[in-house]
PDB file of N, CA and C in Angstrom:
ATOM      1  N   UNK A   1      60.173  21.996-147.508  1.00  0.00           N
ATOM      2  CA  UNK A   1      58.898  21.888-148.247  1.00  0.00           C
ATOM      3  C   UNK A   1      58.616  22.921-149.353  1.00  0.00           C
ATOM      4  N   UNK A   2      59.240  24.145-149.334  1.00  0.00           N
ATOM      5  CA  UNK A   2      58.687  25.258-149.985  1.00  0.00           C
ATOM      6  C   UNK A   2      59.342  25.072-151.319  1.00  0.00           C
ATOM      7  N   UNK A   3      60.685  24.127-151.938  1.00  0.00           N
ATOM      8  CA  UNK A   3      60.733  23.881-152.875  1.00  0.00           C
ATOM      9  C   UNK A   3      60.001  22.655-153.738  1.00  0.00           C
ATOM     10  N   UNK A   4      59.368  22.166-152.807  1.00  0.00           N
ATOM     11  CA  UNK A   4      58.343  21.531-153.504  1.00  0.00           C
ATOM     12  C   UNK A   4      56.837  21.811-153.767  1.00  0.00           C
ATOM     13  N   UNK A   5      56.734  22.827-152.813  1.00  0.00           N
ATOM     14  CA  UNK A   5      55.342  23.514-152.954  1.00  0.00           C
ATOM     15  C   UNK A   5      55.547  24.048-154.565  1.00  0.00           C
ATOM     16  N   UNK A   6      56.735  24.921-154.547  1.00  0.00           N
ATOM     17  CA  UNK A   6      57.317  25.398-155.990  1.00  0.00           C
ATOM     18  C   UNK A   6      56.895  25.074-157.313  1.00  0.00           C
ATOM     19  N   UNK A   7      57.419  23.829-156.974  1.00  0.00           N
ATOM     20  CA  UNK A   7      57.772  22.873-158.191  1.00  0.00           C
ATOM     21  C   UNK A   7      56.305  22.407-158.381  1.00  0.00           C
ATOM     22  N   UNK A   8      55.224  22.489-157.312  1.00  0.00           N
ATOM     23  CA  UNK A   8      53.712  21.701-157.650  1.00  0.00           C
ATOM     24  C   UNK A   8      53.265  22.813-158.264  1.00  0.00           C
ATOM     25  N   UNK A   9      53.450  23.994-158.201  1.00  0.00           N
ATOM     26  CA  UNK A   9      52.796  25.136-158.717  1.00  0.00           C
ATOM     27  C   UNK A   9      53.612  25.315-160.200  1.00  0.00           C
ATOM     28  N   UNK A  10      54.628  25.689-160.048  1.00  0.00           N
ATOM     29  CA  UNK A  10      55.324  26.088-161.160  1.00  0.00           C
ATOM     30  C   UNK A  10      55.941  24.899-162.311  1.00  0.00           C
ATOM     31  N   UNK A  11      55.997  23.877-162.073  1.00  0.00           N
ATOM     32  CA  UNK A  11      56.552  22.823-162.975  1.00  0.00           C
ATOM     33  C   UNK A  11      55.899  21.577-163.294  1.00  0.00           C
ATOM     34  N   UNK A  12      56.214  21.045-164.668  1.00  0.00           N
ATOM     35  CA  UNK A  12      55.292  19.923-164.715  1.00  0.00           C
ATOM     36  C   UNK A  12      55.992  18.539-164.388  1.00  0.00           C
ATOM     37  N   UNK A  13      55.735  18.238-163.094  1.00  0.00           N
ATOM     38  CA  UNK A  13      55.945  16.998-162.668  1.00  0.00           C
ATOM     39  C   UNK A  13      56.117  15.778-163.342  1.00  0.00           C
ATOM     40  N   UNK A  14      57.032  15.117-163.199  1.00  0.00           N
ATOM     41  CA  UNK A  14      57.233  13.513-163.414  1.00  0.00           C
ATOM     42  C   UNK A  14      56.765  12.723-162.009  1.00  0.00           C
ATOM     43  N   UNK A  15      55.772  11.737-162.405  1.00  0.00           N
ATOM     44  CA  UNK A  15      55.245  10.878-161.300  1.00  0.00           C
ATOM     45  C   UNK A  15      56.036   9.810-161.504  1.00  0.00           C
ATOM     46  N   UNK A  16      56.804   8.963-160.508  1.00  0.00           N
ATOM     47  CA  UNK A  16      56.894   7.598-160.677  1.00  0.00           C
ATOM     48  C   UNK A  16      58.372   7.215-161.022  1.00  0.00           C
ATOM     49  N   UNK A  17      58.962   6.065-160.551  1.00  0.00           N
ATOM     50  CA  UNK A  17      60.536   5.912-160.882  1.00  0.00           C
ATOM     51  C   UNK A  17      60.786   5.722-162.106  1.00  0.00           C
ATOM     52  N   UNK A  18      59.569   4.906-162.653  1.00  0.00           N
ATOM     53  CA  UNK A  18      60.391   4.473-164.091  1.00  0.00           C
ATOM     54  C   UNK A  18      60.361   5.829-165.006  1.00  0.00           C
ATOM     55  N   UNK A  19      59.437   6.334-164.859  1.00  0.00           N
ATOM     56  CA  UNK A  19      59.735   7.771-165.997  1.00  0.00           C
ATOM     57  C   UNK A  19      60.814   8.549-165.407  1.00  0.00           C
ATOM     58  N   UNK A  20      61.201   8.911-164.375  1.00  0.00           N
ATOM     59  CA  UNK A  20      62.105   9.512-163.648  1.00  0.00           C
ATOM     60  C   UNK A  20      63.089   9.277-164.116  1.00  0.00           C
ATOM     61  N   UNK A  21      63.334   7.717-163.991  1.00  0.00           N
ATOM     62  CA  UNK A  21      64.797   7.036-164.457  1.00  0.00           C
ATOM     63  C   UNK A  21      65.189   7.324-165.799  1.00  0.00           C
ATOM     64  N   UNK A  22      63.955   7.189-166.606  1.00  0.00           N
ATOM     65  CA  UNK A  22      63.828   7.059-168.308  1.00  0.00           C
ATOM     66  C   UNK A  22      64.643   8.765-168.443  1.00  0.00           C
ATOM     67  N   UNK A  23      63.913   9.707-167.891  1.00  0.00           N
ATOM     68  CA  UNK A  23      64.551  10.778-168.317  1.00  0.00           C
ATOM     69  C   UNK A  23      65.803  11.223-167.461  1.00  0.00           C
ATOM     70  N   UNK A  24      66.027  10.700-166.834  1.00  0.00           N
ATOM     71  CA  UNK A  24      67.548  11.129-165.890  1.00  0.00           C
ATOM     72  C   UNK A  24      68.458  10.461-166.366  1.00  0.00           C
ATOM     73  N   UNK A  25      68.379   9.165-167.253  1.00  0.00           N
ATOM     74  CA  UNK A  25      69.233   8.802-167.814  1.00  0.00           C
ATOM     75  C   UNK A  25      69.305   9.299-169.331  1.00  0.00           C
ATOM     76  N   UNK A  26      68.425  10.322-169.652  1.00  0.00           N
ATOM     77  CA  UNK A  26      68.609  10.918-171.104  1.00  0.00           C
ATOM     78  C   UNK A  26      69.115  12.482-170.454  1.00  0.00           C
ATOM     79  N   UNK A  27      69.571  12.534-169.771  1.00  0.00           N
ATOM     80  CA  UNK A  27      69.750  14.211-168.892  1.00  0.00           C
ATOM     81  C   UNK A  27      68.734  15.109-169.110  1.00  0.00           C
ATOM     82  N   UNK A  28      67.413  15.011-168.701  1.00  0.00           N
ATOM     83  CA  UNK A  28      66.378  15.646-169.036  1.00  0.00           C
ATOM     84  C   UNK A  28      65.725  16.222-167.876  1.00  0.00           C
ATOM     85  N   UNK A  29      66.146  16.050-166.432  1.00  0.00           N
ATOM     86  CA  UNK A  29      65.663  16.494-165.194  1.00  0.00           C
ATOM     87  C   UNK A  29      66.727  17.645-164.743  1.00  0.00           C
ATOM     88  N   UNK A  30      65.715  18.336-163.756  1.00  0.00           N
ATOM     89  CA  UNK A  30      66.528  19.269-163.028  1.00  0.00           C
ATOM     90  C   UNK A  30      66.573  18.894-161.223  1.00  0.00           C
ATOM     91  N   UNK A  31      65.528  18.337-161.162  1.00  0.00           N
ATOM     92  CA  UNK A  31      65.310  17.801-159.843  1.00  0.00           C
ATOM     93  C   UNK A  31      64.542  16.441-159.413  1.00  0.00           C
ATOM     94  N   UNK A  32      64.908  16.020-158.442  1.00  0.00           N
ATOM     95  CA  UNK A  32      64.158  14.704-158.170  1.00  0.00           C
ATOM     96  C   UNK A  32      63.429  15.026-156.482  1.00  0.00           C
ATOM     97  N   UNK A  33      62.273  14.558-156.376  1.00  0.00           N
ATOM     98  CA  UNK A  33      61.771  14.638-154.961  1.00  0.00           C
ATOM     99  C   UNK A  33      61.611  13.323-154.548  1.00  0.00           C
ATOM    100  N   UNK A  34      62.136  12.512-153.372  1.00  0.00           N
ATOM    101  CA  UNK A  34      61.900  11.410-152.804  1.00  0.00           C
ATOM    102  C   UNK A  34      61.087  11.138-151.777  1.00  0.00           C
ATOM    103  N   UNK A  35      60.311  10.097-151.733  1.00  0.00           N
ATOM    104  CA  UNK A  35      59.521  10.303-150.276  1.00  0.00           C
ATOM    105  C   UNK A  35      60.205   9.597-148.992  1.00  0.00           C
ATOM    106  N   UNK A  36      59.797   9.738-147.790  1.00  0.00           N
ATOM    107  CA  UNK A  36      60.711   9.247-146.788  1.00  0.00           C
ATOM    108  C   UNK A  36      60.802   7.791-146.886  1.00  0.00           C
ATOM    109  N   UNK A  37      59.441   7.164-147.245  1.00  0.00           N
ATOM    110  CA  UNK A  37      59.461   5.774-147.178  1.00  0.00           C
ATOM    111  C   UNK A  37      59.680   4.942-148.534  1.00  0.00           C
ATOM    112  N   UNK A  38      60.254   5.691-149.342  1.00  0.00           N
ATOM    113  CA  UNK A  38      60.534   5.003-150.544  1.00  0.00           C
ATOM    114  C   UNK A  38      61.682   3.701-150.680  1.00  0.00           C
ATOM    115  N   UNK A  39      60.842   2.771-151.214  1.00  0.00           N
ATOM    116  CA  UNK A  39      62.135   1.680-150.780  1.00  0.00           C
ATOM    117  C   UNK A  39      63.556   1.834-151.108  1.00  0.00           C
ATOM    118  N   UNK A  40      64.598   1.354-150.440  1.00  0.00           N
ATOM    119  CA  UNK A  40      65.640   1.703-150.137  1.00  0.00           C
ATOM    120  C   UNK A  40      66.901   1.238-151.847  1.00  0.00           C
ATOM    121  N   UNK A  41      66.249   0.263-152.487  1.00  0.00           N
ATOM    122  CA  UNK A  41      66.750   0.192-153.554  1.00  0.00           C
ATOM    123  C   UNK A  41      66.743   0.853-154.723  1.00  0.00           C
ATOM    124  N   UNK A  42      65.248   1.400-154.745  1.00  0.00           N
ATOM    125  CA  UNK A  42      64.868   2.659-155.481  1.00  0.00           C
ATOM    126  C   UNK A  42      65.617   3.973-155.422  1.00  0.00           C
ATOM    127  N   UNK A  43      65.514   4.182-154.219  1.00  0.00           N
ATOM    128  CA  UNK A  43      66.354   5.340-153.852  1.00  0.00           C
ATOM    129  C   UNK A  43      68.023   5.187-154.290  1.00  0.00           C
ATOM    130  N   UNK A  44      68.202   4.192-154.015  1.00  0.00           N
ATOM    131  CA  UNK A  44      69.984   4.304-154.478  1.00  0.00           C
ATOM    132  C   UNK A  44      70.109   4.327-156.040  1.00  0.00           C
ATOM    133  N   UNK A  45      69.010   3.468-156.576  1.00  0.00           N
ATOM    134  CA  UNK A  45      69.339   3.729-158.150  1.00  0.00           C
ATOM    135  C   UNK A  45      68.943   5.089-158.549  1.00  0.00           C
ATOM    136  N   UNK A  46      68.261   5.943-157.954  1.00  0.00           N
ATOM    137  CA  UNK A  46      68.063   6.986-158.240  1.00  0.00           C
ATOM    138  C   UNK A  46      69.322   8.066-158.026  1.00  0.00           C
ATOM    139  N   UNK A  47      69.579   7.664-156.665  1.00  0.00           N
ATOM    140  CA  UNK A  47      70.688   8.757-156.478  1.00  0.00           C
ATOM    141  C   UNK A  47      72.154   8.425-157.296  1.00  0.00           C
ATOM    142  N   UNK A  48      72.296   7.026-157.649  1.00  0.00           N
ATOM    143  CA  UNK A  48      73.372   6.687-158.689  1.00  0.00           C
ATOM    144  C   UNK A  48      73.230   7.448-160.022  1.00  0.00           C
ATOM    145  N   UNK A  49      72.252   7.277-160.353  1.00  0.00           N
ATOM    146  CA  UNK A  49      71.812   8.369-161.987  1.00  0.00           C
ATOM    147  C   UNK A  49      71.840   9.466-161.688  1.00  0.00           C
ATOM    148  N   UNK A  50      71.236   9.988-160.522  1.00  0.00           N
ATOM    149  CA  UNK A  50      71.372  11.561-160.438  1.00  0.00           C
ATOM    150  C   UNK A  50      73.106  11.952-160.445  1.00  0.00           C
ATOM    151  N   UNK A  51      73.375  11.203-159.470  1.00  0.00           N
ATOM    152  CA  UNK A  51      75.061  11.497-159.166  1.00  0.00           C
ATOM    153  C   UNK A  51      75.421  11.961-160.683  1.00  0.00           C
ATOM    154  N   UNK A  52      75.600  11.276-161.447  1.00  0.00           N
ATOM    155  CA  UNK A  52      76.053  11.193-163.195  1.00  0.00           C
ATOM    156  C   UNK A  52      75.880  12.276-163.653  1.00  0.00           C
ATOM    157  N   UNK A  53      74.676  12.553-163.648  1.00  0.00           N
ATOM    158  CA  UNK A  53      73.964  13.360-164.408  1.00  0.00           C
ATOM    159  C   UNK A  53      74.002  14.659-163.769  1.00  0.00           C
ATOM    160  N   UNK A  54      74.549  14.659-162.430  1.00  0.00           N
ATOM    161  CA  UNK A  54      74.504  15.972-161.445  1.00  0.00           C
ATOM    162  C   UNK A  54      73.069  16.708-161.188  1.00  0.00           C
ATOM    163  N   UNK A  55      72.162  15.670-161.060  1.00  0.00           N
ATOM    164  CA  UNK A  55      70.902  16.315-160.902  1.00  0.00           C
ATOM    165  C   UNK A  55      70.599  16.148-159.195  1.00  0.00           C
ATOM    166  N   UNK A  56      69.922  17.456-158.853  1.00  0.00           N
ATOM    167  CA  UNK A  56      69.749  17.471-157.364  1.00  0.00           C
ATOM    168  C   UNK A  56      68.759  16.342-156.890  1.00  0.00           C
ATOM    169  N   UNK A  57      68.805  15.719-155.775  1.00  0.00           N
ATOM    170  CA  UNK A  57      67.806  14.910-155.242  1.00  0.00           C
ATOM    171  C   UNK A  57      67.588  15.545-153.976  1.00  0.00           C
ATOM    172  N   UNK A  58      66.218  15.689-153.867  1.00  0.00           N
ATOM    173  CA  UNK A  58      65.594  16.015-152.272  1.00  0.00           C
ATOM    174  C   UNK A  58      65.274  14.972-151.606  1.00  0.00           C
ATOM    175  N   UNK A  59      65.481  14.610-150.481  1.00  0.00           N
ATOM    176  CA  UNK A  59      64.964  13.411-149.560  1.00  0.00           C
ATOM    177  C   UNK A  59      63.506  14.383-148.955  1.00  0.00           C
ATOM    178  N   UNK A  60      62.899  14.011-149.140  1.00  0.00           N
ATOM    179  CA  UNK A  60      61.562  14.570-148.280  1.00  0.00           C
ATOM    180  C   UNK A  60      61.299  13.816-147.115  1.00  0.00           C
ATOM    181  N   UNK A  61      60.551  14.622-145.891  1.00  0.00           N
ATOM    182  CA  UNK A  61      60.550  14.148-144.498  1.00  0.00           C
ATOM    183  C   UNK A  61      59.012  13.468-144.731  1.00  0.00           C
ATOM    184  N   UNK A  62      58.308  13.512-145.542  1.00  0.00           N
ATOM    185  CA  UNK A  62      57.118  13.033-145.643  1.00  0.00           C
ATOM    186  C   UNK A  62      56.757  11.794-146.775  1.00  0.00           C
ATOM    187  N   UNK A  63      56.105  10.944-146.293  1.00  0.00           N
ATOM    188  CA  UNK A  63      55.776   9.680-147.039  1.00  0.00           C
ATOM    189  C   UNK A  63      54.864   9.769-148.314  1.00  0.00           C
ATOM    190  N   UNK A  64      54.880   8.486-148.979  1.00  0.00           N
ATOM    191  CA  UNK A  64      54.523   8.656-150.017  1.00  0.00           C
ATOM    192  C   UNK A  64      52.751   8.830-150.051  1.00  0.00           C
ATOM    193  N   UNK A  65      52.367   8.307-149.112  1.00  0.00           N
ATOM    194  CA  UNK A  65      50.921   8.707-149.156  1.00  0.00           C
ATOM    195  C   UNK A  65      50.531  10.134-149.065  1.00  0.00           C
ATOM    196  N   UNK A  66      51.197  11.005-148.268  1.00  0.00           N
ATOM    197  CA  UNK A  66      51.187  12.399-147.845  1.00  0.00           C
ATOM    198  C   UNK A  66      51.736  12.828-149.323  1.00  0.00           C
ATOM    199  N   UNK A  67      52.642  12.538-149.858  1.00  0.00           N
ATOM    200  CA  UNK A  67      53.071  13.009-151.285  1.00  0.00           C
ATOM    201  C   UNK A  67      51.836  12.979-152.473  1.00  0.00           C
ATOM    202  N   UNK A  68      51.306  11.950-152.090  1.00  0.00           N
ATOM    203  CA  UNK A  68      50.290  11.797-153.333  1.00  0.00           C
ATOM    204  C   UNK A  68      49.050  12.847-153.015  1.00  0.00           C
ATOM    205  N   UNK A  69      48.740  12.837-151.683  1.00  0.00           N
ATOM    206  CA  UNK A  69      47.898  13.745-151.115  1.00  0.00           C
ATOM    207  C   UNK A  69      48.103  15.293-151.635  1.00  0.00           C
ATOM    208  N   UNK A  70      49.550  15.912-151.462  1.00  0.00           N
ATOM    209  CA  UNK A  70      49.886  16.815-151.516  1.00  0.00           C
ATOM    210  C   UNK A  70      49.660  17.046-153.393  1.00  0.00           C
ATOM    211  N   UNK A  71      50.021  16.111-154.132  1.00  0.00           N
ATOM    212  CA  UNK A  71      50.038  16.332-155.647  1.00  0.00           C
ATOM    213  C   UNK A  71      48.454  15.935-155.979  1.00  0.00           C
ATOM    214  N   UNK A  72      47.812  15.983-155.258  1.00  0.00           N
ATOM    215  CA  UNK A  72      45.944  15.835-155.304  1.00  0.00           C
ATOM    216  C   UNK A  72      45.962  14.454-156.333  1.00  0.00           C
ATOM    217  N   UNK A  73      46.571  13.438-155.851  1.00  0.00           N
ATOM    218  CA  UNK A  73      46.425  12.171-156.504  1.00  0.00           C
ATOM    219  C   UNK A  73      45.966  11.336-155.626  1.00  0.00           C
ATOM    220  N   UNK A  74      44.882  10.380-156.122  1.00  0.00           N
ATOM    221  CA  UNK A  74      44.510   9.002-155.066  1.00  0.00           C
ATOM    222  C   UNK A  74      45.340   8.088-154.849  1.00  0.00           C
ATOM    223  N   UNK A  75      46.503   8.134-154.973  1.00  0.00           N
ATOM    224  CA  UNK A  75      47.251   7.244-154.958  1.00  0.00           C
ATOM    225  C   UNK A  75      48.767   7.559-154.461  1.00  0.00           C
ATOM    226  N   UNK A  76      49.547   6.894-153.609  1.00  0.00           N
ATOM    227  CA  UNK A  76      50.633   7.328-153.333  1.00  0.00           C
ATOM    228  C   UNK A  76      51.727   7.133-154.273  1.00  0.00           C
ATOM    229  N   UNK A  77      52.590   8.244-153.824  1.00  0.00           N
ATOM    230  CA  UNK A  77      53.726   8.816-155.065  1.00  0.00           C
ATOM    231  C   UNK A  77      55.170   8.869-154.140  1.00  0.00           C
ATOM    232  N   UNK A  78      56.054   7.865-154.524  1.00  0.00           N
ATOM    233  CA  UNK A  78      57.427   7.626-154.117  1.00  0.00           C
ATOM    234  C   UNK A  78      58.218   8.690-154.308  1.00  0.00           C
ATOM    235  N   UNK A  79      58.222   8.835-155.909  1.00  0.00           N
ATOM    236  CA  UNK A  79      59.446   9.961-156.592  1.00  0.00           C
ATOM    237  C   UNK A  79      58.614  10.772-157.415  1.00  0.00           C
ATOM    238  N   UNK A  80      59.264  11.982-157.434  1.00  0.00           N
ATOM    239  CA  UNK A  80      58.782  13.067-158.316  1.00  0.00           C
ATOM    240  C   UNK A  80      59.688  13.685-158.966  1.00  0.00           C
ATOM    241  N   UNK A  81      59.691  14.567-160.257  1.00  0.00           N
ATOM    242  CA  UNK A  81      60.736  14.848-160.764  1.00  0.00           C
ATOM    243  C   UNK A  81      60.528  15.759-161.637  1.00  0.00           C
ATOM    244  N   UNK A  82      61.267  16.764-162.253  1.00  0.00           N
ATOM    245  CA  UNK A  82      61.088  17.758-163.094  1.00  0.00           C
ATOM    246  C   UNK A  82      62.339  18.250-163.654  1.00  0.00           C
TER     247      UNK A  82
END
């Protein structure tokens, strides 16, 4: 979790699958965080492109509601990246 806490403080985070995939396909990401209850098809698609782009994927032990709360957002977040 410390990596996520650090990213929350220091990085401009990208929220959501669509924006993450778009930037991932253009080699503009360093790291991706995925909530524990993220849909399996989304998880696999992100992992596939991350492997091609050599971007680290961190699977969190918290669910999307907790992740949204950590980011101080009033909605669930399944995918975060920077």
